[in-house]
């Protein structure tokens, strides 16, 4: 029997312990095993010890040699047989009813192309207080107890919606994600800057959402979809978060530009150092980690604007 839902988990040099917790969460799903399948995509890991996939329905391991999250996701979708696809990262633990709820929501909302929900943290070690000010950067979100469904109205200005799902746990209708795959082919290259090896760029999630919205589908936030994000101590440092904010904002500018939504003006590269110095003085980056991170975020925006044409 063809499964209704396919779980696609791309990974590159995963942490064995966190990946094991992710797989344990999938084994505990309440959805009938006959209704779903699991696809693990090894994205060009230099060394990869295949994990135990026993107990995961239809489980198979495939390898994508082109390095980059977009390539790995595209490969996973190509391998998937389900009418629904759920992206899971190698540090996500889904609530036991996540997959069952994903199918219920797609059945209840025929125009829903992509969905996500609450993402709560499990910190390896208690982080400094200031880290929680940057929950969004750490892919943590909670938009409250009410569901939100939105789309692009024909005669209204287009803007990226607050309810847009993030990549962790993203639920996709195959008919909607096909629009994204087609867009990749039409562009002739991967416009969105996305994770690639040690890169912390994160434009791919937003590119998927905007492409689906442009194709006429809706996206939504549903608090009934819950997952836990496993966060090691190394991701709660000033240095890591600085890189994350800088590279993410740079890629965000690129995605907005690719979809005709960027309101920022291009700037010449020769002007960027002076603008970064000005931003340093405006943010008081030397005063503490919060100010430093605001400065890194501004630097990412400046660098993104130097790439605009």
Foldseek 3Di string as FASTA:
>chain_A
DAAQEEEEEEDEPDDVVLLVLQLVLQLLAPPDLRRYAYEYEYEQHPDDDDDDNPSGRNYDYYYHDDFFPVSSVVVRLVPHRHQKYWYAYSRKRWHRHQVVVLVVVCVVAVQAFKEAEAEAEDEPDDFPPCLVVPCVLVVGDHPDQDKDKDADDPPDDDDQDPFQHFRHGMMGRSVLQVQVVVVCVVVVHDQFDPDGVPQLAHRPSVLSRLSSRVVPGMYMYHHVTYMYGYHYPVCRDLVNLLRNLLRHLLRNQRSCVVNVNHPDAADAPVCLVVVLVVLCVVLVLVPDSVSVSSSSNVSSNNNSSNPHD
